[in-house]
PDB file of N, CA and C in Angstrom:
ATOM      1  N   MET A   1     -11.531  -2.000   1.926  1.00  0.00           N
ATOM      2  CA  MET A   1     -10.166  -2.472   1.571  1.00  0.00           C
ATOM      3  C   MET A   1      -9.379  -2.584   2.693  1.00  0.00           C
ATOM      4  N   GLN A   2      -8.315  -3.305   2.741  1.00  0.00           N
ATOM      5  CA  GLN A   2      -7.576  -3.390   3.963  1.00  0.00           C
ATOM      6  C   GLN A   2      -6.290  -4.066   3.833  1.00  0.00           C
ATOM      7  N   ALA A   3      -5.053  -3.624   4.257  1.00  0.00           N
ATOM      8  CA  ALA A   3      -3.828  -4.285   3.896  1.00  0.00           C
ATOM      9  C   ALA A   3      -3.838  -5.572   4.749  1.00  0.00           C
ATOM     10  N   SER A   4      -3.182  -6.637   4.017  1.00  0.00           N
ATOM     11  CA  SER A   4      -3.041  -8.152   4.446  1.00  0.00           C
ATOM     12  C   SER A   4      -2.083  -8.115   5.466  1.00  0.00           C
ATOM     13  N   LYS A   5      -2.433  -8.799   6.723  1.00  0.00           N
ATOM     14  CA  LYS A   5      -1.587  -8.919   7.790  1.00  0.00           C
ATOM     15  C   LYS A   5      -0.374  -9.776   7.509  1.00  0.00           C
ATOM     16  N   ASP A   6      -0.343 -10.662   6.241  1.00  0.00           N
ATOM     17  CA  ASP A   6       0.779 -11.047   6.093  1.00  0.00           C
ATOM     18  C   ASP A   6       1.733 -10.250   5.181  1.00  0.00           C
ATOM     19  N   TYR A   7       1.651  -8.932   5.238  1.00  0.00           N
ATOM     20  CA  TYR A   7       2.705  -8.435   4.456  1.00  0.00           C
ATOM     21  C   TYR A   7       3.181  -7.380   5.586  1.00  0.00           C
ATOM     22  N   LEU A   8       4.401  -6.888   5.709  1.00  0.00           N
ATOM     23  CA  LEU A   8       5.087  -6.138   6.485  1.00  0.00           C
ATOM     24  C   LEU A   8       6.147  -5.072   5.839  1.00  0.00           C
ATOM     25  N   VAL A   9       5.996  -3.713   6.390  1.00  0.00           N
ATOM     26  CA  VAL A   9       6.783  -2.726   5.773  1.00  0.00           C
ATOM     27  C   VAL A   9       8.075  -2.763   6.568  1.00  0.00           C
ATOM     28  N   ARG A  10       9.258  -2.623   6.062  1.00  0.00           N
ATOM     29  CA  ARG A  10      10.352  -2.576   6.807  1.00  0.00           C
ATOM     30  C   ARG A  10      11.413  -1.569   6.102  1.00  0.00           C
ATOM     31  N   SER A  11      12.180  -0.885   6.736  1.00  0.00           N
ATOM     32  CA  SER A  11      13.150  -0.008   6.054  1.00  0.00           C
ATOM     33  C   SER A  11      14.612  -0.835   6.154  1.00  0.00           C
ATOM     34  N   ILE A  12      14.966  -1.103   4.898  1.00  0.00           N
ATOM     35  CA  ILE A  12      16.363  -1.696   4.786  1.00  0.00           C
ATOM     36  C   ILE A  12      17.140  -0.998   3.778  1.00  0.00           C
ATOM     37  N   ALA A  13      18.348  -0.687   4.480  1.00  0.00           N
ATOM     38  CA  ALA A  13      19.388   0.168   3.730  1.00  0.00           C
ATOM     39  C   ALA A  13      18.804   1.355   3.048  1.00  0.00           C
ATOM     40  N   GLY A  14      17.784   2.003   3.941  1.00  0.00           N
ATOM     41  CA  GLY A  14      17.275   3.378   3.505  1.00  0.00           C
ATOM     42  C   GLY A  14      16.221   3.330   2.623  1.00  0.00           C
ATOM     43  N   GLU A  15      15.672   2.042   2.189  1.00  0.00           N
ATOM     44  CA  GLU A  15      14.695   1.810   1.553  1.00  0.00           C
ATOM     45  C   GLU A  15      13.264   1.278   2.196  1.00  0.00           C
ATOM     46  N   LEU A  16      12.293   1.487   1.724  1.00  0.00           N
ATOM     47  CA  LEU A  16      10.999   0.856   2.495  1.00  0.00           C
ATOM     48  C   LEU A  16      10.677  -0.348   1.589  1.00  0.00           C
ATOM     49  N   ILE A  17      10.484  -1.518   2.371  1.00  0.00           N
ATOM     50  CA  ILE A  17      10.357  -2.619   1.525  1.00  0.00           C
ATOM     51  C   ILE A  17       9.075  -3.415   2.063  1.00  0.00           C
ATOM     52  N   LEU A  18       8.114  -3.869   1.134  1.00  0.00           N
ATOM     53  CA  LEU A  18       7.022  -4.488   1.558  1.00  0.00           C
ATOM     54  C   LEU A  18       7.504  -6.119   1.681  1.00  0.00           C
ATOM     55  N   ILE A  19       7.217  -6.777   2.415  1.00  0.00           N
ATOM     56  CA  ILE A  19       7.800  -7.996   2.755  1.00  0.00           C
ATOM     57  C   ILE A  19       6.863  -9.052   2.901  1.00  0.00           C
ATOM     58  N   PRO A  20       6.324  -9.848   2.430  1.00  0.00           N
ATOM     59  CA  PRO A  20       5.448 -10.997   2.485  1.00  0.00           C
ATOM     60  C   PRO A  20       5.895 -11.905   3.749  1.00  0.00           C
ATOM     61  N   SER A  21       5.046 -12.579   4.571  1.00  0.00           N
ATOM     62  CA  SER A  21       5.484 -13.523   5.661  1.00  0.00           C
ATOM     63  C   SER A  21       4.230 -14.262   5.633  1.00  0.00           C
ATOM     64  N   GLY A  22       4.366 -15.727   6.303  1.00  0.00           N
ATOM     65  CA  GLY A  22       3.373 -16.288   6.687  1.00  0.00           C
ATOM     66  C   GLY A  22       3.159 -17.223   5.153  1.00  0.00           C
ATOM     67  N   ALA A  23       1.724 -17.504   4.953  1.00  0.00           N
ATOM     68  CA  ALA A  23       1.250 -17.677   3.930  1.00  0.00           C
ATOM     69  C   ALA A  23       1.583 -17.066   2.474  1.00  0.00           C
ATOM     70  N   ALA A  24       1.558 -15.519   2.783  1.00  0.00           N
ATOM     71  CA  ALA A  24       1.700 -14.714   1.474  1.00  0.00           C
ATOM     72  C   ALA A  24       3.034 -15.150   0.991  1.00  0.00           C
ATOM     73  N   ALA A  25       4.136 -15.424   1.775  1.00  0.00           N
ATOM     74  CA  ALA A  25       5.533 -15.794   1.553  1.00  0.00           C
ATOM     75  C   ALA A  25       5.552 -16.976   0.555  1.00  0.00           C
ATOM     76  N   GLN A  26       4.484 -18.008   0.688  1.00  0.00           N
ATOM     77  CA  GLN A  26       4.420 -19.148  -0.064  1.00  0.00           C
ATOM     78  C   GLN A  26       3.849 -18.831  -1.647  1.00  0.00           C
ATOM     79  N   LYS A  27       3.138 -17.628  -1.432  1.00  0.00           N
ATOM     80  CA  LYS A  27       2.395 -17.204  -2.794  1.00  0.00           C
ATOM     81  C   LYS A  27       3.067 -16.283  -3.697  1.00  0.00           C
ATOM     82  N   PHE A  28       3.847 -15.501  -3.049  1.00  0.00           N
ATOM     83  CA  PHE A  28       4.501 -14.381  -3.684  1.00  0.00           C
ATOM     84  C   PHE A  28       6.167 -14.369  -2.907  1.00  0.00           C
ATOM     85  N   ASN A  29       6.978 -14.804  -4.015  1.00  0.00           N
ATOM     86  CA  ASN A  29       8.269 -14.922  -3.746  1.00  0.00           C
ATOM     87  C   ASN A  29       9.029 -13.757  -4.064  1.00  0.00           C
ATOM     88  N   GLY A  30       9.255 -12.729  -3.234  1.00  0.00           N
ATOM     89  CA  GLY A  30       9.752 -11.400  -3.633  1.00  0.00           C
ATOM     90  C   GLY A  30       9.687 -10.394  -2.751  1.00  0.00           C
ATOM     91  N   LEU A  31      10.161  -9.333  -2.926  1.00  0.00           N
ATOM     92  CA  LEU A  31       9.854  -8.014  -2.242  1.00  0.00           C
ATOM     93  C   LEU A  31       9.543  -6.667  -2.996  1.00  0.00           C
ATOM     94  N   VAL A  32       8.881  -5.968  -2.400  1.00  0.00           N
ATOM     95  CA  VAL A  32       8.220  -4.658  -3.202  1.00  0.00           C
ATOM     96  C   VAL A  32       8.910  -3.600  -2.567  1.00  0.00           C
ATOM     97  N   THR A  33       9.425  -2.789  -3.384  1.00  0.00           N
ATOM     98  CA  THR A  33      10.065  -1.562  -2.773  1.00  0.00           C
ATOM     99  C   THR A  33       9.098  -0.464  -2.952  1.00  0.00           C
ATOM    100  N   VAL A  34       8.814   0.295  -1.970  1.00  0.00           N
ATOM    101  CA  VAL A  34       7.812   1.475  -1.920  1.00  0.00           C
ATOM    102  C   VAL A  34       8.288   2.667  -1.595  1.00  0.00           C
ATOM    103  N   ASN A  35       7.790   3.763  -2.021  1.00  0.00           N
ATOM    104  CA  ASN A  35       8.113   5.342  -2.058  1.00  0.00           C
ATOM    105  C   ASN A  35       7.598   5.700  -0.726  1.00  0.00           C
ATOM    106  N   ALA A  36       7.631   7.005  -0.591  1.00  0.00           N
ATOM    107  CA  ALA A  36       6.995   7.668   0.695  1.00  0.00           C
ATOM    108  C   ALA A  36       5.384   7.405   0.584  1.00  0.00           C
ATOM    109  N   LEU A  37       5.079   7.682  -0.570  1.00  0.00           N
ATOM    110  CA  LEU A  37       3.617   7.676  -0.937  1.00  0.00           C
ATOM    111  C   LEU A  37       2.956   6.280  -0.436  1.00  0.00           C
ATOM    112  N   GLY A  38       3.776   5.113  -1.061  1.00  0.00           N
ATOM    113  CA  GLY A  38       3.253   4.097  -1.043  1.00  0.00           C
ATOM    114  C   GLY A  38       3.336   3.432   0.592  1.00  0.00           C
ATOM    115  N   ALA A  39       4.355   3.975   1.223  1.00  0.00           N
ATOM    116  CA  ALA A  39       4.314   3.599   2.953  1.00  0.00           C
ATOM    117  C   ALA A  39       3.175   4.492   3.366  1.00  0.00           C
ATOM    118  N   PHE A  40       2.643   5.621   2.959  1.00  0.00           N
ATOM    119  CA  PHE A  40       1.915   6.182   3.744  1.00  0.00           C
ATOM    120  C   PHE A  40       0.365   5.470   3.232  1.00  0.00           C
ATOM    121  N   ILE A  41       0.299   5.147   1.983  1.00  0.00           N
ATOM    122  CA  ILE A  41      -1.136   4.445   1.526  1.00  0.00           C
ATOM    123  C   ILE A  41      -1.114   3.098   2.634  1.00  0.00           C
ATOM    124  N   TRP A  42       0.277   2.434   2.693  1.00  0.00           N
ATOM    125  CA  TRP A  42       0.238   1.078   3.411  1.00  0.00           C
ATOM    126  C   TRP A  42      -0.240   1.370   4.957  1.00  0.00           C
ATOM    127  N   ASP A  43       0.014   2.501   5.258  1.00  0.00           N
ATOM    128  CA  ASP A  43       0.055   2.769   6.596  1.00  0.00           C
ATOM    129  C   ASP A  43      -1.761   2.942   6.864  1.00  0.00           C
ATOM    130  N   VAL A  44      -2.318   3.722   5.836  1.00  0.00           N
ATOM    131  CA  VAL A  44      -3.611   4.219   5.932  1.00  0.00           C
ATOM    132  C   VAL A  44      -4.496   2.891   5.555  1.00  0.00           C
ATOM    133  N   LEU A  45      -3.836   1.839   5.111  1.00  0.00           N
ATOM    134  CA  LEU A  45      -4.684   0.385   4.903  1.00  0.00           C
ATOM    135  C   LEU A  45      -4.357  -0.486   6.064  1.00  0.00           C
ATOM    136  N   GLN A  46      -3.739  -0.131   7.112  1.00  0.00           N
ATOM    137  CA  GLN A  46      -3.923  -0.935   8.298  1.00  0.00           C
ATOM    138  C   GLN A  46      -5.505  -0.975   8.815  1.00  0.00           C
ATOM    139  N   GLN A  47      -6.290  -0.109   8.452  1.00  0.00           N
ATOM    140  CA  GLN A  47      -7.538  -0.003   8.608  1.00  0.00           C
ATOM    141  C   GLN A  47      -8.374  -0.069   7.478  1.00  0.00           C
ATOM    142  N   SER A  48      -9.540  -0.505   7.593  1.00  0.00           N
ATOM    143  CA  SER A  48     -10.281  -0.649   6.457  1.00  0.00           C
ATOM    144  C   SER A  48     -11.013   0.625   5.930  1.00  0.00           C
ATOM    145  N   VAL A  49     -10.781   0.765   4.616  1.00  0.00           N
ATOM    146  CA  VAL A  49     -11.008   1.921   4.218  1.00  0.00           C
ATOM    147  C   VAL A  49     -11.640   2.074   2.788  1.00  0.00           C
ATOM    148  N   THR A  50     -12.098   2.910   2.230  1.00  0.00           N
ATOM    149  CA  THR A  50     -12.662   2.872   0.981  1.00  0.00           C
ATOM    150  C   THR A  50     -11.597   3.726   0.323  1.00  0.00           C
ATOM    151  N   LEU A  51     -11.760   3.654  -1.406  1.00  0.00           N
ATOM    152  CA  LEU A  51     -10.909   4.151  -2.161  1.00  0.00           C
ATOM    153  C   LEU A  51     -10.938   5.922  -1.804  1.00  0.00           C
ATOM    154  N   ASP A  52     -12.323   6.300  -1.974  1.00  0.00           N
ATOM    155  CA  ASP A  52     -12.663   7.738  -1.405  1.00  0.00           C
ATOM    156  C   ASP A  52     -11.958   8.221  -0.246  1.00  0.00           C
ATOM    157  N   GLU A  53     -12.074   7.189   0.864  1.00  0.00           N
ATOM    158  CA  GLU A  53     -11.252   7.533   2.112  1.00  0.00           C
ATOM    159  C   GLU A  53      -9.892   7.807   1.962  1.00  0.00           C
ATOM    160  N   LEU A  54      -9.497   6.771   1.087  1.00  0.00           N
ATOM    161  CA  LEU A  54      -7.970   6.932   0.973  1.00  0.00           C
ATOM    162  C   LEU A  54      -7.542   8.050   0.220  1.00  0.00           C
ATOM    163  N   VAL A  55      -8.112   8.484  -0.871  1.00  0.00           N
ATOM    164  CA  VAL A  55      -7.780   9.818  -1.686  1.00  0.00           C
ATOM    165  C   VAL A  55      -7.911  11.014  -0.778  1.00  0.00           C
ATOM    166  N   GLU A  56      -9.021  10.997   0.004  1.00  0.00           N
ATOM    167  CA  GLU A  56      -9.082  12.170   1.074  1.00  0.00           C
ATOM    168  C   GLU A  56      -7.682  12.427   1.954  1.00  0.00           C
ATOM    169  N   ARG A  57      -7.327  11.160   2.451  1.00  0.00           N
ATOM    170  CA  ARG A  57      -6.378  10.994   3.436  1.00  0.00           C
ATOM    171  C   ARG A  57      -5.077  11.527   2.431  1.00  0.00           C
ATOM    172  N   ILE A  58      -4.970  11.190   1.494  1.00  0.00           N
ATOM    173  CA  ILE A  58      -3.718  11.487   0.579  1.00  0.00           C
ATOM    174  C   ILE A  58      -3.740  12.966   0.320  1.00  0.00           C
ATOM    175  N   THR A  59      -4.726  13.558  -0.196  1.00  0.00           N
ATOM    176  CA  THR A  59      -4.766  15.031  -0.431  1.00  0.00           C
ATOM    177  C   THR A  59      -4.780  15.732   0.914  1.00  0.00           C
ATOM    178  N   ALA A  60      -5.041  15.299   1.948  1.00  0.00           N
ATOM    179  CA  ALA A  60      -4.786  16.050   3.204  1.00  0.00           C
ATOM    180  C   ALA A  60      -3.527  16.034   3.564  1.00  0.00           C
ATOM    181  N   GLU A  61      -2.813  14.999   3.232  1.00  0.00           N
ATOM    182  CA  GLU A  61      -1.166  14.615   3.724  1.00  0.00           C
ATOM    183  C   GLU A  61      -0.314  15.453   2.683  1.00  0.00           C
ATOM    184  N   TYR A  62      -0.722  15.194   1.408  1.00  0.00           N
ATOM    185  CA  TYR A  62       0.125  15.730   0.335  1.00  0.00           C
ATOM    186  C   TYR A  62      -0.317  16.859  -0.394  1.00  0.00           C
ATOM    187  N   GLU A  63       0.324  17.933  -1.216  1.00  0.00           N
ATOM    188  CA  GLU A  63      -0.218  18.966  -1.486  1.00  0.00           C
ATOM    189  C   GLU A  63      -0.373  18.421  -3.032  1.00  0.00           C
ATOM    190  N   VAL A  64      -1.521  17.549  -3.436  1.00  0.00           N
ATOM    191  CA  VAL A  64      -1.614  17.083  -4.956  1.00  0.00           C
ATOM    192  C   VAL A  64      -3.194  17.295  -4.915  1.00  0.00           C
ATOM    193  N   GLU A  65      -3.427  17.283  -6.360  1.00  0.00           N
ATOM    194  CA  GLU A  65      -4.878  17.320  -6.917  1.00  0.00           C
ATOM    195  C   GLU A  65      -5.738  15.904  -6.646  1.00  0.00           C
ATOM    196  N   GLU A  66      -6.852  16.245  -6.448  1.00  0.00           N
ATOM    197  CA  GLU A  66      -7.748  14.864  -6.410  1.00  0.00           C
ATOM    198  C   GLU A  66      -7.357  13.891  -7.117  1.00  0.00           C
ATOM    199  N   ALA A  67      -7.731  14.147  -8.523  1.00  0.00           N
ATOM    200  CA  ALA A  67      -7.505  13.330  -9.398  1.00  0.00           C
ATOM    201  C   ALA A  67      -6.063  12.531  -9.631  1.00  0.00           C
ATOM    202  N   THR A  68      -5.049  13.227  -9.337  1.00  0.00           N
ATOM    203  CA  THR A  68      -3.657  12.679  -9.221  1.00  0.00           C
ATOM    204  C   THR A  68      -3.650  11.760  -8.142  1.00  0.00           C
ATOM    205  N   ALA A  69      -4.063  12.147  -6.793  1.00  0.00           N
ATOM    206  CA  ALA A  69      -3.951  11.124  -5.771  1.00  0.00           C
ATOM    207  C   ALA A  69      -4.767   9.932  -6.018  1.00  0.00           C
ATOM    208  N   ARG A  70      -5.869   9.935  -6.719  1.00  0.00           N
ATOM    209  CA  ARG A  70      -6.784   8.975  -6.929  1.00  0.00           C
ATOM    210  C   ARG A  70      -6.228   7.934  -8.194  1.00  0.00           C
ATOM    211  N   ALA A  71      -5.390   8.556  -9.147  1.00  0.00           N
ATOM    212  CA  ALA A  71      -4.691   7.821  -9.885  1.00  0.00           C
ATOM    213  C   ALA A  71      -3.539   6.963  -9.225  1.00  0.00           C
ATOM    214  N   ASP A  72      -2.816   7.813  -8.456  1.00  0.00           N
ATOM    215  CA  ASP A  72      -1.578   7.109  -7.636  1.00  0.00           C
ATOM    216  C   ASP A  72      -2.203   6.119  -6.887  1.00  0.00           C
ATOM    217  N   ALA A  73      -3.351   6.355  -5.905  1.00  0.00           N
ATOM    218  CA  ALA A  73      -3.976   5.163  -5.219  1.00  0.00           C
ATOM    219  C   ALA A  73      -4.216   4.227  -5.852  1.00  0.00           C
ATOM    220  N   GLU A  74      -5.011   4.422  -7.281  1.00  0.00           N
ATOM    221  CA  GLU A  74      -5.613   3.173  -7.988  1.00  0.00           C
ATOM    222  C   GLU A  74      -4.337   2.359  -8.209  1.00  0.00           C
ATOM    223  N   GLU A  75      -3.208   3.021  -8.807  1.00  0.00           N
ATOM    224  CA  GLU A  75      -2.295   2.187  -9.306  1.00  0.00           C
ATOM    225  C   GLU A  75      -1.452   1.278  -8.116  1.00  0.00           C
ATOM    226  N   PHE A  76      -1.201   1.977  -7.103  1.00  0.00           N
ATOM    227  CA  PHE A  76      -0.824   1.134  -6.075  1.00  0.00           C
ATOM    228  C   PHE A  76      -1.475   0.000  -5.640  1.00  0.00           C
ATOM    229  N   ILE A  77      -2.925   0.175  -5.445  1.00  0.00           N
ATOM    230  CA  ILE A  77      -3.900  -0.641  -5.085  1.00  0.00           C
ATOM    231  C   ILE A  77      -3.802  -1.970  -5.997  1.00  0.00           C
ATOM    232  N   SER A  78      -3.758  -1.500  -7.240  1.00  0.00           N
ATOM    233  CA  SER A  78      -3.777  -2.503  -8.284  1.00  0.00           C
ATOM    234  C   SER A  78      -2.393  -3.369  -8.200  1.00  0.00           C
ATOM    235  N   GLU A  79      -1.294  -2.895  -7.935  1.00  0.00           N
ATOM    236  CA  GLU A  79      -0.143  -3.681  -7.519  1.00  0.00           C
ATOM    237  C   GLU A  79      -0.408  -4.495  -6.419  1.00  0.00           C
ATOM    238  N   LEU A  80      -0.943  -4.044  -5.367  1.00  0.00           N
ATOM    239  CA  LEU A  80      -1.274  -4.745  -3.908  1.00  0.00           C
ATOM    240  C   LEU A  80      -1.945  -6.144  -4.400  1.00  0.00           C
ATOM    241  N   ARG A  81      -2.807  -5.799  -5.084  1.00  0.00           N
ATOM    242  CA  ARG A  81      -3.846  -6.924  -5.338  1.00  0.00           C
ATOM    243  C   ARG A  81      -3.323  -7.905  -6.231  1.00  0.00           C
ATOM    244  N   GLN A  82      -2.383  -7.476  -6.980  1.00  0.00           N
ATOM    245  CA  GLN A  82      -1.742  -8.619  -7.770  1.00  0.00           C
ATOM    246  C   GLN A  82      -1.021  -9.307  -7.195  1.00  0.00           C
ATOM    247  N   ILE A  83      -0.270  -8.939  -6.163  1.00  0.00           N
ATOM    248  CA  ILE A  83       0.395  -9.782  -5.147  1.00  0.00           C
ATOM    249  C   ILE A  83      -0.285 -10.236  -3.874  1.00  0.00           C
ATOM    250  N   GLY A  84      -1.391  -9.926  -3.815  1.00  0.00           N
ATOM    251  CA  GLY A  84      -2.245 -10.590  -2.854  1.00  0.00           C
ATOM    252  C   GLY A  84      -2.238  -9.842  -1.211  1.00  0.00           C
ATOM    253  N   ALA A  85      -1.931  -8.731  -1.383  1.00  0.00           N
ATOM    254  CA  ALA A  85      -1.589  -7.853  -0.108  1.00  0.00           C
ATOM    255  C   ALA A  85      -2.707  -7.165   0.295  1.00  0.00           C
ATOM    256  N   LEU A  86      -3.710  -7.153  -0.485  1.00  0.00           N
ATOM    257  CA  LEU A  86      -5.094  -6.363   0.070  1.00  0.00           C
ATOM    258  C   LEU A  86      -6.048  -7.579   0.381  1.00  0.00           C
ATOM    259  N   GLU A  87      -6.805  -7.226   1.488  1.00  0.00           N
ATOM    260  CA  GLU A  87      -8.128  -7.951   1.828  1.00  0.00           C
ATOM    261  C   GLU A  87      -9.274  -6.960   1.484  1.00  0.00           C
ATOM    262  N   ASP A  88     -10.169  -7.521   0.646  1.00  0.00           N
ATOM    263  CA  ASP A  88     -11.266  -6.644   0.297  1.00  0.00           C
ATOM    264  C   ASP A  88     -12.602  -6.791   1.224  1.00  0.00           C
TER     265      ASP A  88
END
């Protein structure tokens, strides 16, 4: 899986925002606020990775159990899929 090139992350008023552009802006009319973990996951997804690779990167970056990292990653990935921000 990999992040769609039609979405960008910008810092606006101290918050990280996922913004659709191009064709994505026609399909999803809104913005998504992401926390620090969401921004980290988005950065990792700039390259094609598997869920296992993503979880490994999260546990290496944050002091978190693998099960928690996997649950958080799966939840965020599900949200990204719902808005069309992932390319599988």
